[in-house]
Amino acid sequence: MTMPFFSCNIDRRGQKIRAFIGTLCLLSAGLVHHFFEFYPVSTPLFLAGIFCLIEAARKWCLLRALKIKTPW
């Protein structure tokens, strides 16, 4: 039997790491946008930050759902 694609697949440690990475990406995007207004960098950083925060909130990792092993 296989697990559903969007089922919880990370523990509390992985959740905290993804939340930290997401917050760091959002802060970096804000700083790049504020000081340089360089959209080709700030937009992907913003989107990556939002995605990491969604992963943390759902306790879900895309790479693990695709059967790729991650250290956390």
Protein backbone atom coordinates (compact mmCIF):
# COMPACT_ATOMS: atom_id res chain seq x y z
CA MET A 1 0.00 0.00 0.00
CA THR A 2 1.36 3.44 -0.90
CA MET A 3 1.00 6.61 1.11
CA PRO A 4 -1.00 9.53 -0.31
CA PHE A 5 1.19 12.17 -1.97
CA PHE A 6 0.27 14.97 0.46
CA SER A 7 0.49 12.97 3.70
CA CYS A 8 2.74 14.15 6.55
CA ASN A 9 6.27 12.96 5.87
CA ILE A 10 8.58 15.08 8.10
CA ASP A 11 9.06 15.27 11.84
CA ARG A 12 9.16 18.30 14.15
CA ARG A 13 12.86 18.96 13.41
CA GLY A 14 12.24 19.04 9.65
CA GLN A 15 9.24 21.28 10.19
CA LYS A 16 11.31 23.79 12.18
CA ILE A 17 14.12 23.76 9.60
CA ARG A 18 11.68 24.42 6.74
CA ALA A 19 10.03 27.23 8.70
CA PHE A 20 13.45 28.79 9.35
CA ILE A 21 14.47 28.50 5.68
CA GLY A 22 11.13 29.98 4.59
CA THR A 23 11.47 32.92 6.96
CA LEU A 24 15.07 33.49 5.84
CA CYS A 25 14.00 33.47 2.17
CA LEU A 26 11.19 35.95 2.82
CA LEU A 27 13.49 38.30 4.74
CA SER A 28 16.13 38.05 2.01
CA ALA A 29 13.52 38.77 -0.67
CA GLY A 30 12.35 41.83 1.25
CA LEU A 31 15.88 43.15 1.66
CA VAL A 32 16.82 42.57 -1.98
CA HIS A 33 13.63 44.26 -3.13
CA HIS A 34 13.99 47.19 -0.74
CA PHE A 35 17.63 48.01 -1.42
CA PHE A 36 18.10 46.93 -5.05
CA GLU A 37 14.57 46.52 -6.51
CA PHE A 38 15.97 43.55 -8.42
CA TYR A 39 12.89 41.46 -9.23
CA PRO A 40 14.68 38.51 -10.91
CA VAL A 41 16.18 37.69 -7.50
CA SER A 42 13.53 38.89 -5.06
CA THR A 43 10.57 37.16 -6.74
CA PRO A 44 12.03 33.60 -6.69
CA LEU A 45 13.21 34.15 -3.11
CA PHE A 46 9.72 35.24 -2.12
CA LEU A 47 8.08 32.25 -3.83
CA ALA A 48 10.59 29.81 -2.30
CA GLY A 49 9.94 31.30 1.14
CA ILE A 50 6.19 30.93 0.79
CA PHE A 51 6.59 27.34 -0.43
CA CYS A 52 8.86 26.43 2.50
CA LEU A 53 6.40 27.89 4.98
CA ILE A 54 3.57 25.88 3.39
CA GLU A 55 5.72 22.74 3.66
CA ALA A 56 6.36 23.47 7.33
CA ALA A 57 2.70 24.14 8.06
CA ARG A 58 1.57 20.91 6.39
CA LYS A 59 4.49 18.82 7.77
CA TRP A 60 5.13 17.81 4.19
CA CYS A 61 8.24 17.80 1.99
CA LEU A 62 8.07 17.74 -1.80
CA LEU A 63 11.40 15.96 -2.17
CA ARG A 64 10.40 13.22 0.26
CA ALA A 65 7.05 12.85 -1.50
CA LEU A 66 9.05 12.23 -4.70
CA LYS A 67 11.09 9.53 -2.85
CA ILE A 68 14.27 11.65 -2.67
CA LYS A 69 16.04 11.26 0.67
CA THR A 70 16.78 14.44 2.64
CA PRO A 71 18.97 14.80 5.76
CA TRP A 72 16.18 16.47 7.77
